[in-house]
Amino acid sequence: MEKQVMKLASQKAVVIFSKSSCCMSHTIKSLFYDLGVSPAIYELDEIANGREIERALQKLGCNPSVPAVFIGGQLIHNSTSTVMSLHLSGSLIPMLKRVGAIWL
């Protein structure tokens, strides 16, 4: 299942594994939308194999398992705090430009 997760994670410049009921997932999704990013989003509580994907994310080092953010196919460990830190330091937008998630 980890290989399937990595395949999903590399299909778009930004991929977010989320749960519709998770406030931190909502915050991360809102940030990317506000930056003009159109991420692929997998709501683990709404898809048939969501529990399997969640276990695979945990095996890949996601703790908590959601939100799990992949940028350019690379897992951003401790996604919420790392993404927010990257944004506050001014590093997130250049990273998103490098992977083609935004152009301006």
PDB file of N, CA and C in Angstrom:
ATOM      1  N   MET A   1       0.822  -1.203   0.000  1.00  0.00           N
ATOM      2  CA  MET A   1       0.000   0.000   0.000  1.00  0.00           C
ATOM      3  C   MET A   1       0.866   1.267   0.000  1.00  0.00           C
ATOM      4  N   GLU A   2       2.073   1.215   0.609  1.00  0.00           N
ATOM      5  CA  GLU A   2       2.944   2.392   0.626  1.00  0.00           C
ATOM      6  C   GLU A   2       3.303   2.819  -0.793  1.00  0.00           C
ATOM      7  N   LYS A   3       3.536   1.837  -1.689  1.00  0.00           N
ATOM      8  CA  LYS A   3       3.858   2.170  -3.087  1.00  0.00           C
ATOM      9  C   LYS A   3       2.684   2.846  -3.767  1.00  0.00           C
ATOM     10  N   GLN A   4       1.464   2.388  -3.457  1.00  0.00           N
ATOM     11  CA  GLN A   4       0.277   3.015  -4.034  1.00  0.00           C
ATOM     12  C   GLN A   4       0.129   4.453  -3.544  1.00  0.00           C
ATOM     13  N   VAL A   5       0.412   4.671  -2.269  1.00  0.00           N
ATOM     14  CA  VAL A   5       0.344   6.023  -1.714  1.00  0.00           C
ATOM     15  C   VAL A   5       1.367   6.917  -2.412  1.00  0.00           C
ATOM     16  N   MET A   6       2.582   6.431  -2.595  1.00  0.00           N
ATOM     17  CA  MET A   6       3.616   7.221  -3.258  1.00  0.00           C
ATOM     18  C   MET A   6       3.240   7.502  -4.715  1.00  0.00           C
ATOM     19  N   LYS A   7       2.583   6.547  -5.355  1.00  0.00           N
ATOM     20  CA  LYS A   7       2.131   6.767  -6.731  1.00  0.00           C
ATOM     21  C   LYS A   7       1.069   7.869  -6.761  1.00  0.00           C
ATOM     22  N   LEU A   8       0.105   7.805  -5.843  1.00  0.00           N
ATOM     23  CA  LEU A   8      -0.904   8.862  -5.743  1.00  0.00           C
ATOM     24  C   LEU A   8      -0.248  10.213  -5.449  1.00  0.00           C
ATOM     25  N   ALA A   9       0.745  10.194  -4.580  1.00  0.00           N
ATOM     26  CA  ALA A   9       1.402  11.423  -4.139  1.00  0.00           C
ATOM     27  C   ALA A   9       2.206  12.087  -5.245  1.00  0.00           C
ATOM     28  N   SER A  10       2.550  11.342  -6.279  1.00  0.00           N
ATOM     29  CA  SER A  10       3.359  11.918  -7.347  1.00  0.00           C
ATOM     30  C   SER A  10       2.542  12.289  -8.579  1.00  0.00           C
ATOM     31  N   GLN A  11       1.224  12.135  -8.514  1.00  0.00           N
ATOM     32  CA  GLN A  11       0.393  12.402  -9.685  1.00  0.00           C
ATOM     33  C   GLN A  11       0.075  13.877  -9.894  1.00  0.00           C
ATOM     34  N   LYS A  12       0.349  14.701  -8.914  1.00  0.00           N
ATOM     35  CA  LYS A  12       0.102  16.133  -9.026  1.00  0.00           C
ATOM     36  C   LYS A  12       1.175  16.863  -8.219  1.00  0.00           C
ATOM     37  N   ALA A  13       1.393  18.143  -8.497  1.00  0.00           N
ATOM     38  CA  ALA A  13       2.449  18.894  -7.809  1.00  0.00           C
ATOM     39  C   ALA A  13       2.253  18.939  -6.297  1.00  0.00           C
ATOM     40  N   VAL A  14       0.989  19.058  -5.865  1.00  0.00           N
ATOM     41  CA  VAL A  14       0.682  19.046  -4.432  1.00  0.00           C
ATOM     42  C   VAL A  14      -0.442  18.052  -4.206  1.00  0.00           C
ATOM     43  N   VAL A  15      -0.207  17.147  -3.259  1.00  0.00           N
ATOM     44  CA  VAL A  15      -1.201  16.134  -2.900  1.00  0.00           C
ATOM     45  C   VAL A  15      -1.390  16.195  -1.391  1.00  0.00           C
ATOM     46  N   ILE A  16      -2.647  16.203  -0.977  1.00  0.00           N
ATOM     47  CA  ILE A  16      -2.965  16.250   0.449  1.00  0.00           C
ATOM     48  C   ILE A  16      -3.871  15.071   0.789  1.00  0.00           C
ATOM     49  N   PHE A  17      -3.441  14.289   1.765  1.00  0.00           N
ATOM     50  CA  PHE A  17      -4.287  13.243   2.333  1.00  0.00           C
ATOM     51  C   PHE A  17      -4.897  13.857   3.582  1.00  0.00           C
ATOM     52  N   SER A  18      -6.206  13.803   3.665  1.00  0.00           N
ATOM     53  CA  SER A  18      -6.939  14.585   4.639  1.00  0.00           C
ATOM     54  C   SER A  18      -8.092  13.773   5.205  1.00  0.00           C
ATOM     55  N   LYS A  19      -8.747  14.333   6.200  1.00  0.00           N
ATOM     56  CA  LYS A  19     -10.047  13.845   6.668  1.00  0.00           C
ATOM     57  C   LYS A  19     -10.978  15.048   6.708  1.00  0.00           C
ATOM     58  N   SER A  20     -12.187  14.855   6.230  1.00  0.00           N
ATOM     59  CA  SER A  20     -13.125  15.973   6.132  1.00  0.00           C
ATOM     60  C   SER A  20     -13.457  16.574   7.504  1.00  0.00           C
ATOM     61  N   SER A  21     -13.299  15.801   8.570  1.00  0.00           N
ATOM     62  CA  SER A  21     -13.635  16.282   9.910  1.00  0.00           C
ATOM     63  C   SER A  21     -12.442  16.879  10.660  1.00  0.00           C
ATOM     64  N   CYS A  22     -11.278  16.909  10.043  1.00  0.00           N
ATOM     65  CA  CYS A  22     -10.054  17.361  10.721  1.00  0.00           C
ATOM     66  C   CYS A  22      -9.827  18.857  10.497  1.00  0.00           C
ATOM     67  N   CYS A  23      -9.792  19.616  11.588  1.00  0.00           N
ATOM     68  CA  CYS A  23      -9.622  21.063  11.473  1.00  0.00           C
ATOM     69  C   CYS A  23      -8.248  21.437  10.923  1.00  0.00           C
ATOM     70  N   MET A  24      -7.210  20.669  11.245  1.00  0.00           N
ATOM     71  CA  MET A  24      -5.875  20.976  10.723  1.00  0.00           C
ATOM     72  C   MET A  24      -5.813  20.696   9.220  1.00  0.00           C
ATOM     73  N   SER A  25      -6.500  19.652   8.779  1.00  0.00           N
ATOM     74  CA  SER A  25      -6.576  19.377   7.346  1.00  0.00           C
ATOM     75  C   SER A  25      -7.259  20.536   6.633  1.00  0.00           C
ATOM     76  N   HIS A  26      -8.326  21.037   7.217  1.00  0.00           N
ATOM     77  CA  HIS A  26      -9.044  22.175   6.630  1.00  0.00           C
ATOM     78  C   HIS A  26      -8.123  23.396   6.527  1.00  0.00           C
ATOM     79  N   THR A  27      -7.349  23.645   7.559  1.00  0.00           N
ATOM     80  CA  THR A  27      -6.435  24.785   7.577  1.00  0.00           C
ATOM     81  C   THR A  27      -5.389  24.667   6.469  1.00  0.00           C
ATOM     82  N   ILE A  28      -4.812  23.485   6.331  1.00  0.00           N
ATOM     83  CA  ILE A  28      -3.785  23.267   5.296  1.00  0.00           C
ATOM     84  C   ILE A  28      -4.393  23.419   3.906  1.00  0.00           C
ATOM     85  N   LYS A  29      -5.561  22.827   3.688  1.00  0.00           N
ATOM     86  CA  LYS A  29      -6.209  22.949   2.380  1.00  0.00           C
ATOM     87  C   LYS A  29      -6.514  24.418   2.074  1.00  0.00           C
ATOM     88  N   SER A  30      -7.004  25.152   3.052  1.00  0.00           N
ATOM     89  CA  SER A  30      -7.320  26.566   2.861  1.00  0.00           C
ATOM     90  C   SER A  30      -6.078  27.366   2.494  1.00  0.00           C
ATOM     91  N   LEU A  31      -4.967  27.086   3.151  1.00  0.00           N
ATOM     92  CA  LEU A  31      -3.723  27.791   2.840  1.00  0.00           C
ATOM     93  C   LEU A  31      -3.341  27.573   1.382  1.00  0.00           C
ATOM     94  N   PHE A  32      -3.342  26.326   0.938  1.00  0.00           N
ATOM     95  CA  PHE A  32      -2.955  26.055  -0.445  1.00  0.00           C
ATOM     96  C   PHE A  32      -3.922  26.700  -1.430  1.00  0.00           C
ATOM     97  N   TYR A  33      -5.219  26.624  -1.155  1.00  0.00           N
ATOM     98  CA  TYR A  33      -6.195  27.285  -2.030  1.00  0.00           C
ATOM     99  C   TYR A  33      -5.950  28.795  -2.077  1.00  0.00           C
ATOM    100  N   ASP A  34      -5.680  29.402  -0.916  1.00  0.00           N
ATOM    101  CA  ASP A  34      -5.427  30.845  -0.855  1.00  0.00           C
ATOM    102  C   ASP A  34      -4.180  31.236  -1.649  1.00  0.00           C
ATOM    103  N   LEU A  35      -3.223  30.327  -1.758  1.00  0.00           N
ATOM    104  CA  LEU A  35      -2.002  30.589  -2.522  1.00  0.00           C
ATOM    105  C   LEU A  35      -2.192  30.332  -4.018  1.00  0.00           C
ATOM    106  N   GLY A  36      -3.372  29.846  -4.393  1.00  0.00           N
ATOM    107  CA  GLY A  36      -3.645  29.591  -5.805  1.00  0.00           C
ATOM    108  C   GLY A  36      -3.282  28.199  -6.268  1.00  0.00           C
ATOM    109  N   VAL A  37      -3.019  27.311  -5.332  1.00  0.00           N
ATOM    110  CA  VAL A  37      -2.676  25.925  -5.645  1.00  0.00           C
ATOM    111  C   VAL A  37      -3.960  25.116  -5.789  1.00  0.00           C
ATOM    112  N   SER A  38      -3.948  24.196  -6.733  1.00  0.00           N
ATOM    113  CA  SER A  38      -5.079  23.285  -6.910  1.00  0.00           C
ATOM    114  C   SER A  38      -4.586  21.865  -6.597  1.00  0.00           C
ATOM    115  N   PRO A  39      -4.539  21.524  -5.315  1.00  0.00           N
ATOM    116  CA  PRO A  39      -3.977  20.227  -4.939  1.00  0.00           C
ATOM    117  C   PRO A  39      -4.934  19.070  -5.215  1.00  0.00           C
ATOM    118  N   ALA A  40      -4.362  17.894  -5.369  1.00  0.00           N
ATOM    119  CA  ALA A  40      -5.170  16.672  -5.348  1.00  0.00           C
ATOM    120  C   ALA A  40      -5.439  16.386  -3.877  1.00  0.00           C
ATOM    121  N   ILE A  41      -6.687  16.140  -3.546  1.00  0.00           N
ATOM    122  CA  ILE A  41      -7.046  15.896  -2.145  1.00  0.00           C
ATOM    123  C   ILE A  41      -7.743  14.556  -2.039  1.00  0.00           C
ATOM    124  N   TYR A  42      -7.256  13.746  -1.118  1.00  0.00           N
ATOM    125  CA  TYR A  42      -7.861  12.451  -0.830  1.00  0.00           C
ATOM    126  C   TYR A  42      -8.415  12.497   0.588  1.00  0.00           C
ATOM    127  N   GLU A  43      -9.725  12.506   0.697  1.00  0.00           N
ATOM    128  CA  GLU A  43     -10.388  12.523   2.004  1.00  0.00           C
ATOM    129  C   GLU A  43     -10.503  11.082   2.491  1.00  0.00           C
ATOM    130  N   LEU A  44      -9.659  10.706   3.436  1.00  0.00           N
ATOM    131  CA  LEU A  44      -9.556   9.308   3.850  1.00  0.00           C
ATOM    132  C   LEU A  44     -10.819   8.777   4.518  1.00  0.00           C
ATOM    133  N   ASP A  45     -11.625   9.678   5.061  1.00  0.00           N
ATOM    134  CA  ASP A  45     -12.878   9.234   5.686  1.00  0.00           C
ATOM    135  C   ASP A  45     -14.022   9.143   4.673  1.00  0.00           C
ATOM    136  N   GLU A  46     -13.729   9.411   3.419  1.00  0.00           N
ATOM    137  CA  GLU A  46     -14.770   9.369   2.398  1.00  0.00           C
ATOM    138  C   GLU A  46     -14.478   8.395   1.261  1.00  0.00           C
ATOM    139  N   ILE A  47     -13.309   7.747   1.291  1.00  0.00           N
ATOM    140  CA  ILE A  47     -12.973   6.797   0.227  1.00  0.00           C
ATOM    141  C   ILE A  47     -12.883   5.387   0.795  1.00  0.00           C
ATOM    142  N   ALA A  48     -13.154   4.419  -0.062  1.00  0.00           N
ATOM    143  CA  ALA A  48     -13.281   3.026   0.379  1.00  0.00           C
ATOM    144  C   ALA A  48     -12.025   2.495   1.068  1.00  0.00           C
ATOM    145  N   ASN A  49     -10.861   2.786   0.554  1.00  0.00           N
ATOM    146  CA  ASN A  49      -9.634   2.252   1.140  1.00  0.00           C
ATOM    147  C   ASN A  49      -8.917   3.275   2.014  1.00  0.00           C
ATOM    148  N   GLY A  50      -9.659   4.206   2.576  1.00  0.00           N
ATOM    149  CA  GLY A  50      -9.078   5.261   3.395  1.00  0.00           C
ATOM    150  C   GLY A  50      -8.311   4.769   4.605  1.00  0.00           C
ATOM    151  N   ARG A  51      -8.832   3.741   5.270  1.00  0.00           N
ATOM    152  CA  ARG A  51      -8.131   3.206   6.456  1.00  0.00           C
ATOM    153  C   ARG A  51      -6.788   2.587   6.065  1.00  0.00           C
ATOM    154  N   GLU A  52      -6.751   1.889   4.926  1.00  0.00           N
ATOM    155  CA  GLU A  52      -5.499   1.297   4.449  1.00  0.00           C
ATOM    156  C   GLU A  52      -4.490   2.391   4.104  1.00  0.00           C
ATOM    157  N   ILE A  53      -4.960   3.436   3.441  1.00  0.00           N
ATOM    158  CA  ILE A  53      -4.074   4.552   3.095  1.00  0.00           C
ATOM    159  C   ILE A  53      -3.551   5.217   4.360  1.00  0.00           C
ATOM    160  N   GLU A  54      -4.420   5.373   5.349  1.00  0.00           N
ATOM    161  CA  GLU A  54      -3.998   5.987   6.612  1.00  0.00           C
ATOM    162  C   GLU A  54      -2.897   5.163   7.285  1.00  0.00           C
ATOM    163  N   ARG A  55      -3.045   3.854   7.299  1.00  0.00           N
ATOM    164  CA  ARG A  55      -2.002   2.985   7.878  1.00  0.00           C
ATOM    165  C   ARG A  55      -0.704   3.098   7.085  1.00  0.00           C
ATOM    166  N   ALA A  56      -0.811   3.175   5.761  1.00  0.00           N
ATOM    167  CA  ALA A  56       0.384   3.312   4.920  1.00  0.00           C
ATOM    168  C   ALA A  56       1.082   4.646   5.193  1.00  0.00           C
ATOM    169  N   LEU A  57       0.314   5.705   5.378  1.00  0.00           N
ATOM    170  CA  LEU A  57       0.906   7.002   5.699  1.00  0.00           C
ATOM    171  C   LEU A  57       1.651   6.954   7.025  1.00  0.00           C
ATOM    172  N   GLN A  58       1.077   6.249   7.997  1.00  0.00           N
ATOM    173  CA  GLN A  58       1.752   6.096   9.290  1.00  0.00           C
ATOM    174  C   GLN A  58       3.061   5.341   9.125  1.00  0.00           C
ATOM    175  N   LYS A  59       3.065   4.312   8.285  1.00  0.00           N
ATOM    176  CA  LYS A  59       4.301   3.565   8.033  1.00  0.00           C
ATOM    177  C   LYS A  59       5.352   4.424   7.337  1.00  0.00           C
ATOM    178  N   LEU A  60       4.887   5.393   6.542  1.00  0.00           N
ATOM    179  CA  LEU A  60       5.814   6.306   5.866  1.00  0.00           C
ATOM    180  C   LEU A  60       6.336   7.391   6.798  1.00  0.00           C
ATOM    181  N   GLY A  61       5.810   7.451   8.009  1.00  0.00           N
ATOM    182  CA  GLY A  61       6.300   8.406   8.991  1.00  0.00           C
ATOM    183  C   GLY A  61       5.361   9.546   9.317  1.00  0.00           C
ATOM    184  N   CYS A  62       4.139   9.491   8.836  1.00  0.00           N
ATOM    185  CA  CYS A  62       3.163  10.542   9.139  1.00  0.00           C
ATOM    186  C   CYS A  62       2.538  10.272  10.499  1.00  0.00           C
ATOM    187  N   ASN A  63       2.771  11.167  11.428  1.00  0.00           N
ATOM    188  CA  ASN A  63       2.193  11.035  12.752  1.00  0.00           C
ATOM    189  C   ASN A  63       1.925  12.436  13.287  1.00  0.00           C
ATOM    190  N   PRO A  64       0.694  12.885  13.296  1.00  0.00           N
ATOM    191  CA  PRO A  64      -0.527  12.159  12.945  1.00  0.00           C
ATOM    192  C   PRO A  64      -0.584  11.880  11.444  1.00  0.00           C
ATOM    193  N   SER A  65      -1.476  10.988  11.072  1.00  0.00           N
ATOM    194  CA  SER A  65      -1.548  10.555   9.678  1.00  0.00           C
ATOM    195  C   SER A  65      -2.113  11.626   8.749  1.00  0.00           C
ATOM    196  N   VAL A  66      -2.940  12.519   9.264  1.00  0.00           N
ATOM    197  CA  VAL A  66      -3.482  13.609   8.450  1.00  0.00           C
ATOM    198  C   VAL A  66      -3.345  14.934   9.185  1.00  0.00           C
ATOM    199  N   PRO A  67      -3.185  16.019   8.473  1.00  0.00           N
ATOM    200  CA  PRO A  67      -2.997  16.057   7.045  1.00  0.00           C
ATOM    201  C   PRO A  67      -1.595  15.589   6.664  1.00  0.00           C
ATOM    202  N   ALA A  68      -1.505  14.873   5.563  1.00  0.00           N
ATOM    203  CA  ALA A  68      -0.221  14.473   5.005  1.00  0.00           C
ATOM    204  C   ALA A  68      -0.068  15.210   3.687  1.00  0.00           C
ATOM    205  N   VAL A  69       0.976  16.013   3.596  1.00  0.00           N
ATOM    206  CA  VAL A  69       1.195  16.852   2.420  1.00  0.00           C
ATOM    207  C   VAL A  69       2.417  16.357   1.663  1.00  0.00           C
ATOM    208  N   PHE A  70       2.235  16.204   0.359  1.00  0.00           N
ATOM    209  CA  PHE A  70       3.329  15.858  -0.538  1.00  0.00           C
ATOM    210  C   PHE A  70       3.480  17.009  -1.527  1.00  0.00           C
ATOM    211  N   ILE A  71       4.683  17.503  -1.667  1.00  0.00           N
ATOM    212  CA  ILE A  71       4.981  18.557  -2.635  1.00  0.00           C
ATOM    213  C   ILE A  71       6.043  18.017  -3.572  1.00  0.00           C
ATOM    214  N   GLY A  72       5.714  18.003  -4.855  1.00  0.00           N
ATOM    215  CA  GLY A  72       6.640  17.441  -5.827  1.00  0.00           C
ATOM    216  C   GLY A  72       6.920  15.974  -5.577  1.00  0.00           C
ATOM    217  N   GLY A  73       5.931  15.265  -5.042  1.00  0.00           N
ATOM    218  CA  GLY A  73       6.082  13.841  -4.766  1.00  0.00           C
ATOM    219  C   GLY A  73       6.826  13.517  -3.484  1.00  0.00           C
ATOM    220  N   GLN A  74       7.272  14.540  -2.764  1.00  0.00           N
ATOM    221  CA  GLN A  74       8.033  14.343  -1.531  1.00  0.00           C
ATOM    222  C   GLN A  74       7.158  14.621  -0.317  1.00  0.00           C
ATOM    223  N   LEU A  75       7.184  13.705   0.625  1.00  0.00           N
ATOM    224  CA  LEU A  75       6.432  13.883   1.862  1.00  0.00           C
ATOM    225  C   LEU A  75       7.019  15.030   2.669  1.00  0.00           C
ATOM    226  N   ILE A  76       6.155  15.916   3.112  1.00  0.00           N
ATOM    227  CA  ILE A  76       6.559  16.984   4.029  1.00  0.00           C
ATOM    228  C   ILE A  76       6.273  16.452   5.438  1.00  0.00           C
ATOM    229  N   HIS A  77       7.328  16.033   6.125  1.00  0.00           N
ATOM    230  CA  HIS A  77       7.153  15.443   7.459  1.00  0.00           C
ATOM    231  C   HIS A  77       6.610  16.491   8.431  1.00  0.00           C
ATOM    232  N   ASN A  78       5.820  16.027   9.390  1.00  0.00           N
ATOM    233  CA  ASN A  78       5.128  16.931  10.332  1.00  0.00           C
ATOM    234  C   ASN A  78       4.420  18.018   9.532  1.00  0.00           C
ATOM    235  N   SER A  79       3.601  17.575   8.601  1.00  0.00           N
ATOM    236  CA  SER A  79       3.067  18.444   7.547  1.00  0.00           C
ATOM    237  C   SER A  79       2.505  19.773   8.027  1.00  0.00           C
ATOM    238  N   THR A  80       1.647  19.771   9.017  1.00  0.00           N
ATOM    239  CA  THR A  80       1.011  21.029   9.419  1.00  0.00           C
ATOM    240  C   THR A  80       2.044  22.044   9.872  1.00  0.00           C
ATOM    241  N   SER A  81       2.868  21.701  10.834  1.00  0.00           N
ATOM    242  CA  SER A  81       3.826  22.673  11.358  1.00  0.00           C
ATOM    243  C   SER A  81       4.892  23.010  10.332  1.00  0.00           C
ATOM    244  N   THR A  82       5.329  22.045   9.548  1.00  0.00           N
ATOM    245  CA  THR A  82       6.366  22.311   8.552  1.00  0.00           C
ATOM    246  C   THR A  82       5.851  23.218   7.449  1.00  0.00           C
ATOM    247  N   VAL A  83       4.651  22.947   6.940  1.00  0.00           N
ATOM    248  CA  VAL A  83       4.083  23.792   5.886  1.00  0.00           C
ATOM    249  C   VAL A  83       3.883  25.215   6.406  1.00  0.00           C
ATOM    250  N   MET A  84       3.363  25.343   7.612  1.00  0.00           N
ATOM    251  CA  MET A  84       3.160  26.680   8.171  1.00  0.00           C
ATOM    252  C   MET A  84       4.497  27.399   8.366  1.00  0.00           C
ATOM    253  N   SER A  85       5.510  26.686   8.848  1.00  0.00           N
ATOM    254  CA  SER A  85       6.838  27.288   9.030  1.00  0.00           C
ATOM    255  C   SER A  85       7.439  27.707   7.697  1.00  0.00           C
ATOM    256  N   LEU A  86       7.297  26.846   6.678  1.00  0.00           N
ATOM    257  CA  LEU A  86       7.792  27.197   5.346  1.00  0.00           C
ATOM    258  C   LEU A  86       7.096  28.447   4.819  1.00  0.00           C
ATOM    259  N   HIS A  87       5.790  28.530   5.053  1.00  0.00           N
ATOM    260  CA  HIS A  87       5.029  29.690   4.587  1.00  0.00           C
ATOM    261  C   HIS A  87       5.479  30.960   5.316  1.00  0.00           C
ATOM    262  N   LEU A  88       5.603  30.892   6.633  1.00  0.00           N
ATOM    263  CA  LEU A  88       5.990  32.069   7.409  1.00  0.00           C
ATOM    264  C   LEU A  88       7.413  32.527   7.102  1.00  0.00           C
ATOM    265  N   SER A  89       8.285  31.590   6.738  1.00  0.00           N
ATOM    266  CA  SER A  89       9.670  31.951   6.425  1.00  0.00           C
ATOM    267  C   SER A  89       9.840  32.415   4.978  1.00  0.00           C
ATOM    268  N   GLY A  90       8.766  32.319   4.184  1.00  0.00           N
ATOM    269  CA  GLY A  90       8.848  32.734   2.788  1.00  0.00           C
ATOM    270  C   GLY A  90       9.395  31.662   1.856  1.00  0.00           C
ATOM    271  N   SER A  91       9.516  30.444   2.338  1.00  0.00           N
ATOM    272  CA  SER A  91      10.085  29.358   1.532  1.00  0.00           C
ATOM    273  C   SER A  91       9.051  28.529   0.784  1.00  0.00           C
ATOM    274  N   LEU A  92       7.791  28.606   1.199  1.00  0.00           N
ATOM    275  CA  LEU A  92       6.775  27.742   0.599  1.00  0.00           C
ATOM    276  C   LEU A  92       6.473  28.124  -0.849  1.00  0.00           C
ATOM    277  N   ILE A  93       6.298  29.406  -1.115  1.00  0.00           N
ATOM    278  CA  ILE A  93       5.941  29.824  -2.476  1.00  0.00           C
ATOM    279  C   ILE A  93       7.037  29.459  -3.480  1.00  0.00           C
ATOM    280  N   PRO A  94       8.314  29.720  -3.195  1.00  0.00           N
ATOM    281  CA  PRO A  94       9.346  29.281  -4.147  1.00  0.00           C
ATOM    282  C   PRO A  94       9.344  27.762  -4.361  1.00  0.00           C
ATOM    283  N   MET A  95       9.085  26.996  -3.308  1.00  0.00           N
ATOM    284  CA  MET A  95       9.007  25.542  -3.425  1.00  0.00           C
ATOM    285  C   MET A  95       7.856  25.151  -4.349  1.00  0.00           C
ATOM    286  N   LEU A  96       6.712  25.799  -4.169  1.00  0.00           N
ATOM    287  CA  LEU A  96       5.546  25.509  -5.001  1.00  0.00           C
ATOM    288  C   LEU A  96       5.797  25.899  -6.456  1.00  0.00           C
ATOM    289  N   LYS A  97       6.523  26.976  -6.672  1.00  0.00           N
ATOM    290  CA  LYS A  97       6.880  27.381  -8.039  1.00  0.00           C
ATOM    291  C   LYS A  97       7.798  26.349  -8.691  1.00  0.00           C
ATOM    292  N   ARG A  98       8.767  25.855  -7.931  1.00  0.00           N
ATOM    293  CA  ARG A  98       9.722  24.871  -8.471  1.00  0.00           C
ATOM    294  C   ARG A  98       9.036  23.609  -8.968  1.00  0.00           C
ATOM    295  N   VAL A  99       7.968  23.188  -8.290  1.00  0.00           N
ATOM    296  CA  VAL A  99       7.293  21.949  -8.679  1.00  0.00           C
ATOM    297  C   VAL A  99       6.134  22.190  -9.639  1.00  0.00           C
ATOM    298  N   GLY A 100       5.907  23.467 -10.002  1.00  0.00           N
ATOM    299  CA  GLY A 100       4.862  23.787 -10.969  1.00  0.00           C
ATOM    300  C   GLY A 100       3.461  23.874 -10.392  1.00  0.00           C
ATOM    301  N   ALA A 101       3.356  24.026  -9.078  1.00  0.00           N
ATOM    302  CA  ALA A 101       2.037  24.140  -8.450  1.00  0.00           C
ATOM    303  C   ALA A 101       1.447  25.528  -8.635  1.00  0.00           C
ATOM    304  N   ILE A 102       2.318  26.535  -8.720  1.00  0.00           N
ATOM    305  CA  ILE A 102       1.901  27.914  -9.015  1.00  0.00           C
ATOM    306  C   ILE A 102       2.914  28.509  -9.979  1.00  0.00           C
ATOM    307  N   TRP A 103       2.494  29.556 -10.669  1.00  0.00           N
ATOM    308  CA  TRP A 103       3.363  30.136 -11.689  1.00  0.00           C
ATOM    309  C   TRP A 103       3.756  31.560 -11.377  1.00  0.00           C
ATOM    310  N   LEU A 104       2.974  32.290 -10.619  1.00  0.00           N
ATOM    311  CA  LEU A 104       3.246  33.696 -10.364  1.00  0.00           C
ATOM    312  C   LEU A 104       3.966  33.923  -9.057  1.00  0.00           C
TER     313      LEU A 104
END
